[in-house]
N, C-alpha and C. Protein backbone atom coordinates (compact mmCIF):
# COMPACT_ATOMS: atom_id res chain seq x y z
N MET A 1 56.26 -41.80 26.48
CA MET A 1 55.69 -40.59 25.88
C MET A 1 56.61 -39.40 26.17
N ASN A 2 56.99 -38.68 25.12
CA ASN A 2 57.89 -37.54 25.26
C ASN A 2 57.08 -36.25 25.10
N ILE A 3 56.80 -35.60 26.22
CA ILE A 3 56.02 -34.35 26.20
C ILE A 3 56.94 -33.21 26.57
N GLU A 4 57.04 -32.23 25.69
CA GLU A 4 57.89 -31.07 25.94
C GLU A 4 57.07 -29.94 26.55
N LEU A 5 57.51 -29.43 27.67
CA LEU A 5 56.84 -28.33 28.34
C LEU A 5 57.64 -27.05 28.15
N GLU A 6 56.92 -25.94 27.99
CA GLU A 6 57.59 -24.65 27.92
C GLU A 6 58.15 -24.29 29.28
N GLN A 7 59.33 -23.74 29.30
CA GLN A 7 59.94 -23.26 30.53
C GLN A 7 59.60 -21.78 30.68
N VAL A 8 58.59 -21.51 31.51
CA VAL A 8 58.12 -20.14 31.69
C VAL A 8 58.09 -19.82 33.18
N LEU A 9 58.69 -18.71 33.55
CA LEU A 9 58.66 -18.29 34.95
C LEU A 9 57.24 -17.90 35.34
N PRO A 10 56.86 -18.11 36.61
CA PRO A 10 55.50 -17.78 37.04
C PRO A 10 55.08 -16.35 36.69
N ALA A 11 55.99 -15.41 36.85
CA ALA A 11 55.66 -14.00 36.59
C ALA A 11 55.43 -13.73 35.10
N GLN A 12 55.86 -14.66 34.26
CA GLN A 12 55.75 -14.45 32.80
C GLN A 12 54.60 -15.24 32.17
N ILE A 13 53.89 -16.04 32.97
CA ILE A 13 52.85 -16.90 32.40
C ILE A 13 51.76 -16.08 31.72
N GLU A 14 51.26 -15.03 32.41
CA GLU A 14 50.20 -14.23 31.81
C GLU A 14 50.69 -13.54 30.53
N GLN A 15 51.89 -12.99 30.58
CA GLN A 15 52.46 -12.34 29.39
C GLN A 15 52.57 -13.32 28.23
N ARG A 16 53.02 -14.52 28.52
CA ARG A 16 53.14 -15.55 27.48
C ARG A 16 51.76 -15.95 26.96
N SER A 17 50.79 -16.03 27.86
CA SER A 17 49.43 -16.39 27.45
C SER A 17 48.85 -15.37 26.48
N PHE A 18 49.04 -14.10 26.79
CA PHE A 18 48.51 -13.06 25.90
C PHE A 18 49.25 -13.02 24.57
N ALA A 19 50.52 -13.38 24.58
CA ALA A 19 51.26 -13.47 23.33
C ALA A 19 50.69 -14.58 22.45
N ILE A 20 50.34 -15.70 23.06
CA ILE A 20 49.72 -16.80 22.30
C ILE A 20 48.37 -16.38 21.76
N ILE A 21 47.58 -15.70 22.59
CA ILE A 21 46.27 -15.22 22.14
C ILE A 21 46.42 -14.30 20.94
N GLU A 22 47.37 -13.38 21.02
CA GLU A 22 47.60 -12.43 19.93
C GLU A 22 47.96 -13.16 18.64
N SER A 23 48.76 -14.20 18.75
CA SER A 23 49.20 -14.93 17.55
C SER A 23 48.12 -15.80 16.94
N GLU A 24 47.11 -16.17 17.75
CA GLU A 24 46.09 -17.10 17.27
C GLU A 24 44.73 -16.44 17.03
N LEU A 25 44.65 -15.14 17.19
CA LEU A 25 43.38 -14.45 16.94
C LEU A 25 42.94 -14.69 15.49
N PRO A 26 41.65 -14.93 15.27
CA PRO A 26 41.18 -15.22 13.91
C PRO A 26 41.20 -14.00 12.99
N HIS A 27 41.22 -12.81 13.56
CA HIS A 27 41.24 -11.58 12.76
C HIS A 27 41.67 -10.42 13.66
N PRO A 28 42.10 -9.30 13.09
CA PRO A 28 42.46 -8.15 13.91
C PRO A 28 41.27 -7.63 14.70
N LEU A 29 41.54 -7.10 15.88
CA LEU A 29 40.49 -6.58 16.75
C LEU A 29 40.50 -5.06 16.78
N ASP A 30 39.34 -4.49 17.01
CA ASP A 30 39.25 -3.06 17.27
C ASP A 30 40.15 -2.76 18.48
N PRO A 31 41.09 -1.82 18.34
CA PRO A 31 42.03 -1.58 19.44
C PRO A 31 41.37 -1.13 20.74
N VAL A 32 40.22 -0.49 20.66
CA VAL A 32 39.51 -0.06 21.87
C VAL A 32 38.90 -1.25 22.59
N LEU A 33 38.39 -2.21 21.82
CA LEU A 33 37.71 -3.37 22.39
C LEU A 33 38.66 -4.53 22.69
N ALA A 34 39.82 -4.51 22.06
CA ALA A 34 40.76 -5.64 22.15
C ALA A 34 41.11 -6.04 23.59
N PRO A 35 41.39 -5.11 24.51
CA PRO A 35 41.76 -5.54 25.86
C PRO A 35 40.66 -6.35 26.55
N ILE A 36 39.41 -6.03 26.27
CA ILE A 36 38.30 -6.76 26.88
C ILE A 36 38.16 -8.14 26.24
N ILE A 37 38.20 -8.18 24.93
CA ILE A 37 38.06 -9.46 24.22
C ILE A 37 39.20 -10.40 24.60
N LYS A 38 40.42 -9.89 24.63
CA LYS A 38 41.57 -10.73 24.96
C LYS A 38 41.49 -11.23 26.40
N ARG A 39 41.01 -10.40 27.32
CA ARG A 39 40.88 -10.83 28.71
C ARG A 39 39.86 -11.96 28.83
N VAL A 40 38.78 -11.88 28.08
CA VAL A 40 37.79 -12.96 28.11
C VAL A 40 38.36 -14.24 27.51
N ILE A 41 39.09 -14.11 26.41
CA ILE A 41 39.71 -15.29 25.81
C ILE A 41 40.74 -15.88 26.78
N HIS A 42 41.48 -15.03 27.46
CA HIS A 42 42.45 -15.51 28.44
C HIS A 42 41.77 -16.30 29.55
N THR A 43 40.59 -15.87 29.95
CA THR A 43 39.84 -16.52 31.03
C THR A 43 39.24 -17.85 30.59
N THR A 44 38.85 -17.93 29.32
CA THR A 44 38.09 -19.09 28.84
C THR A 44 38.83 -20.00 27.87
N ALA A 45 39.92 -19.50 27.28
CA ALA A 45 40.63 -20.21 26.19
C ALA A 45 39.71 -20.47 25.02
N ASP A 46 38.74 -19.59 24.82
CA ASP A 46 37.73 -19.76 23.76
C ASP A 46 37.81 -18.57 22.80
N PHE A 47 38.30 -18.83 21.60
CA PHE A 47 38.49 -17.75 20.62
C PHE A 47 37.19 -17.33 19.95
N GLU A 48 36.10 -18.04 20.18
CA GLU A 48 34.82 -17.62 19.62
C GLU A 48 34.39 -16.27 20.16
N TYR A 49 34.88 -15.89 21.33
CA TYR A 49 34.52 -14.60 21.89
C TYR A 49 35.04 -13.43 21.05
N ALA A 50 36.00 -13.68 20.20
CA ALA A 50 36.47 -12.62 19.29
C ALA A 50 35.35 -12.16 18.37
N ASP A 51 34.38 -13.02 18.15
CA ASP A 51 33.25 -12.68 17.28
C ASP A 51 31.93 -12.55 18.02
N SER A 52 31.77 -13.25 19.13
CA SER A 52 30.46 -13.27 19.80
C SER A 52 30.25 -12.13 20.78
N LEU A 53 31.33 -11.50 21.24
CA LEU A 53 31.15 -10.35 22.13
C LEU A 53 30.65 -9.15 21.33
N CYS A 54 29.56 -8.58 21.80
CA CYS A 54 28.92 -7.44 21.12
C CYS A 54 28.98 -6.21 22.03
N PHE A 55 29.27 -5.07 21.43
CA PHE A 55 29.47 -3.84 22.19
C PHE A 55 28.58 -2.73 21.62
N SER A 56 27.87 -2.03 22.49
CA SER A 56 27.12 -0.87 22.04
C SER A 56 28.10 0.26 21.73
N PRO A 57 27.67 1.26 20.95
CA PRO A 57 28.58 2.34 20.55
C PRO A 57 29.19 3.06 21.77
N HIS A 58 30.50 3.27 21.72
CA HIS A 58 31.23 4.03 22.74
C HIS A 58 31.08 3.44 24.14
N VAL A 59 30.81 2.13 24.24
CA VAL A 59 30.52 1.55 25.55
C VAL A 59 31.74 1.56 26.48
N VAL A 60 32.93 1.38 25.94
CA VAL A 60 34.11 1.36 26.81
C VAL A 60 34.32 2.74 27.43
N GLU A 61 34.22 3.76 26.63
CA GLU A 61 34.36 5.13 27.13
C GLU A 61 33.31 5.42 28.21
N LYS A 62 32.07 5.02 27.97
CA LYS A 62 30.99 5.25 28.93
C LYS A 62 31.20 4.44 30.20
N ALA A 63 31.66 3.20 30.07
CA ALA A 63 31.88 2.35 31.24
C ALA A 63 33.00 2.90 32.12
N LEU A 64 34.09 3.34 31.49
CA LEU A 64 35.20 3.88 32.27
C LEU A 64 34.79 5.16 32.98
N ALA A 65 34.00 5.98 32.33
CA ALA A 65 33.52 7.21 32.96
C ALA A 65 32.62 6.89 34.15
N ALA A 66 31.79 5.85 34.01
CA ALA A 66 30.90 5.46 35.11
C ALA A 66 31.69 4.96 36.31
N ILE A 67 32.71 4.15 36.06
CA ILE A 67 33.54 3.64 37.16
C ILE A 67 34.26 4.80 37.85
N LYS A 68 34.80 5.72 37.06
CA LYS A 68 35.51 6.86 37.65
C LYS A 68 34.58 7.76 38.46
N SER A 69 33.29 7.72 38.14
CA SER A 69 32.32 8.54 38.87
C SER A 69 31.79 7.82 40.12
N GLY A 70 32.30 6.61 40.39
CA GLY A 70 31.92 5.91 41.61
C GLY A 70 30.86 4.85 41.47
N ALA A 71 30.61 4.39 40.25
CA ALA A 71 29.57 3.36 40.04
C ALA A 71 29.94 2.07 40.77
N SER A 72 28.92 1.42 41.32
CA SER A 72 29.09 0.10 41.92
C SER A 72 28.67 -0.97 40.91
N ILE A 73 29.14 -2.19 41.12
CA ILE A 73 28.84 -3.29 40.23
C ILE A 73 27.94 -4.29 40.96
N VAL A 74 26.81 -4.62 40.35
CA VAL A 74 25.89 -5.61 40.89
C VAL A 74 26.01 -6.88 40.07
N THR A 75 26.30 -8.00 40.74
CA THR A 75 26.41 -9.27 40.05
C THR A 75 25.23 -10.18 40.41
N ASP A 76 25.03 -11.22 39.61
CA ASP A 76 23.94 -12.17 39.89
C ASP A 76 24.46 -13.45 40.53
N THR A 77 25.75 -13.50 40.86
CA THR A 77 26.30 -14.64 41.59
C THR A 77 27.40 -14.17 42.51
N ASN A 78 27.56 -14.86 43.62
CA ASN A 78 28.68 -14.56 44.51
C ASN A 78 29.99 -14.99 43.89
N MET A 79 29.94 -15.97 42.99
CA MET A 79 31.14 -16.37 42.25
C MET A 79 31.64 -15.21 41.40
N GLY A 80 30.73 -14.54 40.71
CA GLY A 80 31.11 -13.38 39.92
C GLY A 80 31.66 -12.28 40.80
N ARG A 81 31.00 -12.05 41.93
CA ARG A 81 31.46 -11.02 42.86
C ARG A 81 32.87 -11.31 43.34
N ALA A 82 33.14 -12.60 43.64
CA ALA A 82 34.46 -12.98 44.15
C ALA A 82 35.56 -12.74 43.13
N GLY A 83 35.22 -12.83 41.83
CA GLY A 83 36.23 -12.72 40.79
C GLY A 83 36.59 -11.31 40.39
N ILE A 84 35.81 -10.33 40.83
CA ILE A 84 36.05 -8.93 40.43
C ILE A 84 37.04 -8.28 41.40
N ASN A 85 37.95 -7.48 40.87
CA ASN A 85 38.96 -6.81 41.67
C ASN A 85 38.32 -5.68 42.48
N LYS A 86 37.95 -5.99 43.71
CA LYS A 86 37.20 -5.05 44.54
C LYS A 86 38.07 -3.87 45.00
N LYS A 87 39.35 -4.12 45.22
CA LYS A 87 40.24 -3.03 45.63
C LYS A 87 40.39 -1.99 44.52
N ALA A 88 40.49 -2.47 43.28
CA ALA A 88 40.62 -1.54 42.15
C ALA A 88 39.36 -0.70 42.00
N LEU A 89 38.20 -1.34 42.19
CA LEU A 89 36.94 -0.60 42.08
C LEU A 89 36.79 0.39 43.23
N ALA A 90 37.20 -0.01 44.43
CA ALA A 90 37.07 0.86 45.60
C ALA A 90 37.90 2.13 45.47
N ARG A 91 38.98 2.07 44.70
CA ARG A 91 39.80 3.27 44.50
C ARG A 91 39.01 4.38 43.82
N HIS A 92 37.95 4.00 43.13
CA HIS A 92 37.11 5.00 42.45
C HIS A 92 35.80 5.24 43.19
N GLY A 93 35.65 4.64 44.37
CA GLY A 93 34.47 4.89 45.19
C GLY A 93 33.35 3.88 45.02
N GLY A 94 33.56 2.82 44.23
CA GLY A 94 32.51 1.83 44.02
C GLY A 94 32.74 0.57 44.83
N GLU A 95 31.73 -0.29 44.86
CA GLU A 95 31.84 -1.59 45.53
C GLU A 95 31.13 -2.63 44.69
N VAL A 96 31.43 -3.89 44.94
CA VAL A 96 30.80 -5.00 44.23
C VAL A 96 29.72 -5.59 45.12
N LEU A 97 28.52 -5.69 44.59
CA LEU A 97 27.36 -6.13 45.37
C LEU A 97 26.72 -7.37 44.75
N CYS A 98 26.27 -8.28 45.61
CA CYS A 98 25.47 -9.42 45.16
C CYS A 98 24.43 -9.69 46.24
N PHE A 99 23.17 -9.71 45.84
CA PHE A 99 22.08 -9.87 46.79
C PHE A 99 21.45 -11.26 46.77
N MET A 100 22.03 -12.17 46.00
CA MET A 100 21.40 -13.47 45.77
C MET A 100 21.20 -14.28 47.05
N ALA A 101 22.08 -14.12 48.04
CA ALA A 101 21.97 -14.90 49.27
C ALA A 101 21.25 -14.16 50.39
N ASP A 102 20.74 -12.96 50.11
CA ASP A 102 20.07 -12.16 51.14
C ASP A 102 18.71 -12.77 51.49
N GLU A 103 18.38 -12.77 52.77
CA GLU A 103 17.13 -13.37 53.22
C GLU A 103 15.91 -12.65 52.64
N ASP A 104 15.98 -11.32 52.55
CA ASP A 104 14.83 -10.58 52.01
C ASP A 104 14.63 -10.87 50.53
N VAL A 105 15.70 -11.16 49.81
CA VAL A 105 15.60 -11.53 48.40
C VAL A 105 14.95 -12.90 48.26
N ALA A 106 15.38 -13.85 49.09
CA ALA A 106 14.79 -15.19 49.06
C ALA A 106 13.30 -15.13 49.40
N ARG A 107 12.96 -14.32 50.38
CA ARG A 107 11.55 -14.19 50.78
C ARG A 107 10.72 -13.55 49.66
N ALA A 108 11.25 -12.51 49.06
CA ALA A 108 10.52 -11.83 47.98
C ALA A 108 10.32 -12.78 46.79
N ALA A 109 11.32 -13.59 46.48
CA ALA A 109 11.21 -14.54 45.38
C ALA A 109 10.11 -15.57 45.65
N ARG A 110 10.05 -16.06 46.89
CA ARG A 110 9.01 -17.03 47.26
C ARG A 110 7.62 -16.40 47.17
N GLU A 111 7.49 -15.20 47.71
CA GLU A 111 6.18 -14.55 47.76
C GLU A 111 5.65 -14.18 46.38
N ARG A 112 6.57 -13.81 45.48
CA ARG A 112 6.16 -13.36 44.15
C ARG A 112 6.23 -14.47 43.10
N GLY A 113 6.77 -15.62 43.49
CA GLY A 113 6.88 -16.72 42.55
C GLY A 113 7.88 -16.45 41.44
N THR A 114 8.97 -15.77 41.78
CA THR A 114 10.00 -15.45 40.79
C THR A 114 11.31 -16.11 41.20
N THR A 115 12.34 -15.92 40.40
CA THR A 115 13.67 -16.40 40.77
C THR A 115 14.33 -15.39 41.72
N ARG A 116 15.33 -15.86 42.43
CA ARG A 116 16.10 -14.94 43.27
C ARG A 116 16.81 -13.88 42.42
N ALA A 117 17.18 -14.27 41.22
CA ALA A 117 17.84 -13.30 40.34
C ALA A 117 16.93 -12.12 40.05
N VAL A 118 15.65 -12.40 39.81
CA VAL A 118 14.68 -11.32 39.57
C VAL A 118 14.54 -10.46 40.81
N ALA A 119 14.39 -11.10 41.96
CA ALA A 119 14.23 -10.35 43.20
C ALA A 119 15.48 -9.53 43.53
N SER A 120 16.65 -10.05 43.19
CA SER A 120 17.88 -9.30 43.47
C SER A 120 17.99 -8.07 42.57
N MET A 121 17.50 -8.16 41.34
CA MET A 121 17.49 -6.99 40.48
C MET A 121 16.51 -5.93 41.01
N ASP A 122 15.38 -6.39 41.55
CA ASP A 122 14.43 -5.47 42.16
C ASP A 122 15.06 -4.75 43.35
N LYS A 123 15.84 -5.48 44.14
CA LYS A 123 16.51 -4.86 45.29
C LYS A 123 17.55 -3.84 44.81
N ALA A 124 18.29 -4.19 43.79
CA ALA A 124 19.29 -3.25 43.25
C ALA A 124 18.63 -1.97 42.77
N CYS A 125 17.41 -2.09 42.28
CA CYS A 125 16.67 -0.95 41.75
C CYS A 125 16.42 0.11 42.82
N THR A 126 16.46 -0.28 44.10
CA THR A 126 16.19 0.67 45.18
C THR A 126 17.43 1.47 45.58
N LEU A 127 18.58 1.12 45.03
CA LEU A 127 19.82 1.80 45.40
C LEU A 127 19.92 3.15 44.70
N ASP A 128 20.28 4.15 45.44
CA ASP A 128 20.40 5.50 44.88
C ASP A 128 21.87 5.79 44.58
N ARG A 129 22.37 5.13 43.54
CA ARG A 129 23.76 5.32 43.13
C ARG A 129 23.91 4.81 41.69
N PRO A 130 24.92 5.24 40.96
CA PRO A 130 25.14 4.70 39.62
C PRO A 130 25.52 3.22 39.69
N LEU A 131 24.94 2.42 38.79
CA LEU A 131 25.12 0.97 38.85
C LEU A 131 25.53 0.38 37.51
N ILE A 132 26.45 -0.58 37.60
CA ILE A 132 26.80 -1.44 36.48
C ILE A 132 26.33 -2.85 36.85
N PHE A 133 25.66 -3.52 35.93
CA PHE A 133 25.18 -4.87 36.19
C PHE A 133 26.04 -5.86 35.41
N ALA A 134 26.55 -6.87 36.12
CA ALA A 134 27.37 -7.91 35.50
C ALA A 134 26.67 -9.24 35.70
N VAL A 135 25.95 -9.69 34.68
CA VAL A 135 25.11 -10.89 34.76
C VAL A 135 25.79 -12.02 34.01
N GLY A 136 26.19 -13.06 34.75
CA GLY A 136 26.89 -14.18 34.12
C GLY A 136 26.18 -15.51 34.25
N ASN A 137 25.03 -15.52 34.91
CA ASN A 137 24.38 -16.80 35.17
C ASN A 137 22.89 -16.83 34.83
N ALA A 138 22.16 -15.80 35.22
CA ALA A 138 20.69 -15.87 35.18
C ALA A 138 20.09 -15.00 34.07
N PRO A 139 19.56 -15.62 33.02
CA PRO A 139 18.87 -14.82 32.00
C PRO A 139 17.66 -14.09 32.55
N THR A 140 17.04 -14.63 33.62
CA THR A 140 15.89 -13.94 34.21
C THR A 140 16.30 -12.58 34.76
N ALA A 141 17.57 -12.44 35.19
CA ALA A 141 18.05 -11.14 35.67
C ALA A 141 18.07 -10.13 34.53
N LEU A 142 18.51 -10.56 33.35
CA LEU A 142 18.53 -9.66 32.19
C LEU A 142 17.12 -9.25 31.79
N VAL A 143 16.21 -10.21 31.79
CA VAL A 143 14.82 -9.90 31.43
C VAL A 143 14.24 -8.90 32.41
N ARG A 144 14.51 -9.09 33.70
CA ARG A 144 13.99 -8.16 34.70
C ARG A 144 14.61 -6.78 34.54
N LEU A 145 15.89 -6.71 34.24
CA LEU A 145 16.51 -5.41 34.00
C LEU A 145 15.83 -4.69 32.84
N TYR A 146 15.54 -5.44 31.79
CA TYR A 146 14.84 -4.85 30.64
C TYR A 146 13.48 -4.31 31.07
N GLU A 147 12.74 -5.08 31.85
CA GLU A 147 11.41 -4.65 32.30
C GLU A 147 11.51 -3.39 33.17
N LEU A 148 12.49 -3.35 34.06
CA LEU A 148 12.66 -2.19 34.93
C LEU A 148 13.03 -0.94 34.13
N MET A 149 13.86 -1.12 33.11
CA MET A 149 14.21 0.02 32.26
C MET A 149 13.00 0.51 31.47
N GLU A 150 12.24 -0.43 30.94
CA GLU A 150 11.04 -0.07 30.17
C GLU A 150 10.04 0.67 31.03
N ALA A 151 9.99 0.32 32.32
CA ALA A 151 9.06 0.97 33.25
C ALA A 151 9.60 2.29 33.79
N GLY A 152 10.82 2.65 33.39
CA GLY A 152 11.41 3.90 33.85
C GLY A 152 11.85 3.88 35.30
N LYS A 153 12.14 2.67 35.83
CA LYS A 153 12.53 2.54 37.23
C LYS A 153 14.04 2.34 37.41
N LEU A 154 14.75 2.17 36.31
CA LEU A 154 16.17 1.87 36.41
C LEU A 154 16.90 2.42 35.20
N TRP A 155 18.09 3.01 35.45
CA TRP A 155 18.90 3.57 34.37
C TRP A 155 20.35 3.12 34.58
N PRO A 156 20.68 1.90 34.19
CA PRO A 156 22.05 1.39 34.41
C PRO A 156 23.08 2.17 33.61
N GLU A 157 24.27 2.27 34.18
CA GLU A 157 25.40 2.86 33.46
C GLU A 157 25.91 1.89 32.40
N LEU A 158 25.76 0.59 32.68
CA LEU A 158 26.24 -0.45 31.78
C LEU A 158 25.60 -1.77 32.19
N ILE A 159 25.25 -2.60 31.19
CA ILE A 159 24.85 -3.97 31.46
C ILE A 159 25.82 -4.90 30.75
N ILE A 160 26.46 -5.75 31.54
CA ILE A 160 27.30 -6.82 31.00
C ILE A 160 26.42 -8.07 31.01
N GLY A 161 25.97 -8.48 29.84
CA GLY A 161 25.03 -9.59 29.74
C GLY A 161 25.69 -10.82 29.15
N VAL A 162 26.17 -11.70 30.03
CA VAL A 162 26.90 -12.88 29.55
C VAL A 162 26.47 -14.17 30.26
N PRO A 163 25.16 -14.35 30.52
CA PRO A 163 24.76 -15.61 31.15
C PRO A 163 25.02 -16.80 30.22
N VAL A 164 25.27 -17.94 30.83
CA VAL A 164 25.53 -19.16 30.08
C VAL A 164 24.35 -20.11 30.25
N GLY A 165 24.01 -20.86 29.20
CA GLY A 165 22.94 -21.83 29.36
C GLY A 165 22.14 -22.04 28.10
N PHE A 166 20.94 -22.61 28.29
CA PHE A 166 20.13 -23.04 27.15
C PHE A 166 18.72 -22.47 27.14
N VAL A 167 18.15 -22.20 28.32
CA VAL A 167 16.75 -21.76 28.39
C VAL A 167 16.68 -20.24 28.48
N ASN A 168 16.17 -19.61 27.45
CA ASN A 168 15.97 -18.15 27.38
C ASN A 168 17.26 -17.34 27.46
N VAL A 169 18.40 -17.99 27.35
CA VAL A 169 19.68 -17.27 27.42
C VAL A 169 19.88 -16.39 26.19
N VAL A 170 19.73 -16.98 25.01
CA VAL A 170 19.93 -16.23 23.77
C VAL A 170 18.93 -15.08 23.68
N GLN A 171 17.66 -15.37 24.00
CA GLN A 171 16.61 -14.36 23.90
C GLN A 171 16.84 -13.19 24.86
N ALA A 172 17.26 -13.51 26.09
CA ALA A 172 17.48 -12.45 27.08
C ALA A 172 18.61 -11.52 26.65
N LYS A 173 19.65 -12.08 26.07
CA LYS A 173 20.76 -11.25 25.60
C LYS A 173 20.32 -10.35 24.44
N GLU A 174 19.56 -10.92 23.53
CA GLU A 174 19.08 -10.12 22.40
C GLU A 174 18.18 -8.99 22.89
N LEU A 175 17.39 -9.26 23.93
CA LEU A 175 16.50 -8.25 24.49
C LEU A 175 17.30 -7.05 24.99
N ILE A 176 18.38 -7.31 25.69
CA ILE A 176 19.21 -6.22 26.22
C ILE A 176 19.78 -5.38 25.08
N MET A 177 20.12 -6.03 23.97
CA MET A 177 20.71 -5.29 22.86
C MET A 177 19.69 -4.45 22.11
N THR A 178 18.41 -4.60 22.43
CA THR A 178 17.38 -3.72 21.86
C THR A 178 17.08 -2.53 22.75
N ALA A 179 17.59 -2.56 23.98
CA ALA A 179 17.30 -1.51 24.95
C ALA A 179 18.24 -0.32 24.75
N ASP A 180 17.81 0.83 25.24
CA ASP A 180 18.62 2.04 25.15
C ASP A 180 19.54 2.11 26.36
N VAL A 181 20.57 1.25 26.34
CA VAL A 181 21.49 1.14 27.47
C VAL A 181 22.86 0.73 26.94
N PRO A 182 23.95 1.25 27.50
CA PRO A 182 25.26 0.73 27.13
C PRO A 182 25.37 -0.74 27.52
N TYR A 183 25.90 -1.56 26.61
CA TYR A 183 25.97 -3.00 26.92
C TYR A 183 27.23 -3.63 26.34
N ILE A 184 27.62 -4.71 27.03
CA ILE A 184 28.60 -5.68 26.49
C ILE A 184 27.93 -7.03 26.65
N VAL A 185 27.64 -7.69 25.54
CA VAL A 185 26.86 -8.92 25.55
C VAL A 185 27.62 -10.01 24.80
N ALA A 186 27.60 -11.22 25.36
CA ALA A 186 28.15 -12.38 24.68
C ALA A 186 27.01 -13.08 23.95
N ARG A 187 26.90 -12.81 22.67
CA ARG A 187 25.79 -13.35 21.89
C ARG A 187 25.87 -14.89 21.85
N GLY A 188 24.72 -15.53 21.96
CA GLY A 188 24.68 -16.99 21.93
C GLY A 188 24.57 -17.59 23.32
N ARG A 189 24.88 -18.87 23.42
CA ARG A 189 24.69 -19.61 24.67
C ARG A 189 25.85 -19.48 25.65
N LYS A 190 27.01 -19.10 25.15
CA LYS A 190 28.20 -19.11 26.00
C LYS A 190 28.27 -17.89 26.91
N GLY A 191 29.02 -18.06 28.01
CA GLY A 191 29.21 -16.98 28.97
C GLY A 191 29.58 -17.56 30.31
N GLY A 192 29.15 -16.91 31.36
CA GLY A 192 29.41 -17.41 32.71
C GLY A 192 29.87 -16.31 33.65
N SER A 193 29.82 -16.61 34.93
CA SER A 193 30.25 -15.63 35.94
C SER A 193 31.72 -15.26 35.77
N ASN A 194 32.53 -16.22 35.33
CA ASN A 194 33.95 -15.91 35.10
C ASN A 194 34.12 -14.92 33.96
N VAL A 195 33.27 -15.01 32.95
CA VAL A 195 33.32 -14.06 31.83
C VAL A 195 32.88 -12.68 32.28
N ALA A 196 31.81 -12.62 33.08
CA ALA A 196 31.35 -11.33 33.60
C ALA A 196 32.44 -10.66 34.42
N ALA A 197 33.11 -11.44 35.28
CA ALA A 197 34.19 -10.88 36.10
C ALA A 197 35.37 -10.45 35.24
N ALA A 198 35.68 -11.22 34.22
CA ALA A 198 36.80 -10.87 33.34
C ALA A 198 36.57 -9.54 32.64
N ILE A 199 35.34 -9.30 32.20
CA ILE A 199 35.02 -8.03 31.54
C ILE A 199 35.17 -6.87 32.52
N CYS A 200 34.64 -7.05 33.73
CA CYS A 200 34.79 -6.00 34.75
C CYS A 200 36.26 -5.73 35.03
N ASN A 201 37.05 -6.77 35.17
CA ASN A 201 38.47 -6.59 35.48
C ASN A 201 39.23 -5.96 34.32
N ALA A 202 38.83 -6.28 33.10
CA ALA A 202 39.46 -5.65 31.94
C ALA A 202 39.24 -4.15 31.95
N LEU A 203 38.02 -3.72 32.30
CA LEU A 203 37.72 -2.29 32.39
C LEU A 203 38.53 -1.64 33.51
N LEU A 204 38.62 -2.32 34.65
CA LEU A 204 39.39 -1.78 35.77
C LEU A 204 40.87 -1.71 35.43
N TYR A 205 41.36 -2.68 34.69
CA TYR A 205 42.76 -2.67 34.27
C TYR A 205 43.03 -1.50 33.34
N LEU A 206 42.08 -1.22 32.45
CA LEU A 206 42.25 -0.07 31.55
C LEU A 206 42.35 1.23 32.34
N LEU A 207 41.56 1.37 33.40
CA LEU A 207 41.62 2.56 34.23
C LEU A 207 42.97 2.65 34.95
N GLY A 208 43.50 1.51 35.35
CA GLY A 208 44.79 1.50 36.04
C GLY A 208 45.94 1.93 35.15
N ARG A 209 45.72 1.85 33.84
CA ARG A 209 46.77 2.26 32.89
C ARG A 209 46.69 3.73 32.53
N GLU A 210 45.61 4.40 32.94
CA GLU A 210 45.46 5.82 32.58
C GLU A 210 46.40 6.70 33.40
């Protein structure tokens, strides 16, 4: 078997990857949204995100302003937290938080008969700081965020709604897109903690270029 491999230096792999993405995009992208969409495609090798990622009006501008004002990012998985560039966020005064493994969250979930994701959103609601939510795993977290917003208990700067799965995933994402909140949502079943982290990092990268 004769398999030809590209000769690419390690430092050039990402650059080459983005060049391939640019050449294979199914259609031109909005230049404001393109860096986020391309970063997600780079993370997943899935070009469907060129069409399935949905953005509320002026969301990139609002998200960058929130980060510059010191917003912290709350994730629904420690995997998502691990993938976000914490040093870049800290330069603007924010931090990446995940409460899923906290004992008080586990206890609250047991007592209330809810998921830990729901209880972790309730805990985030007590924080007195601007918050961005990056949800890549639990649709119940998105539903709870919607309920907290409807009750006037939470005002997120941004919701990144990209959980992956089959049960209530599509519905939870659609719910967020009906709310009066800036959002970036991956419509449909696809997503994941890696996608949530990629979107956060794309925003942080844009700030680094300013």
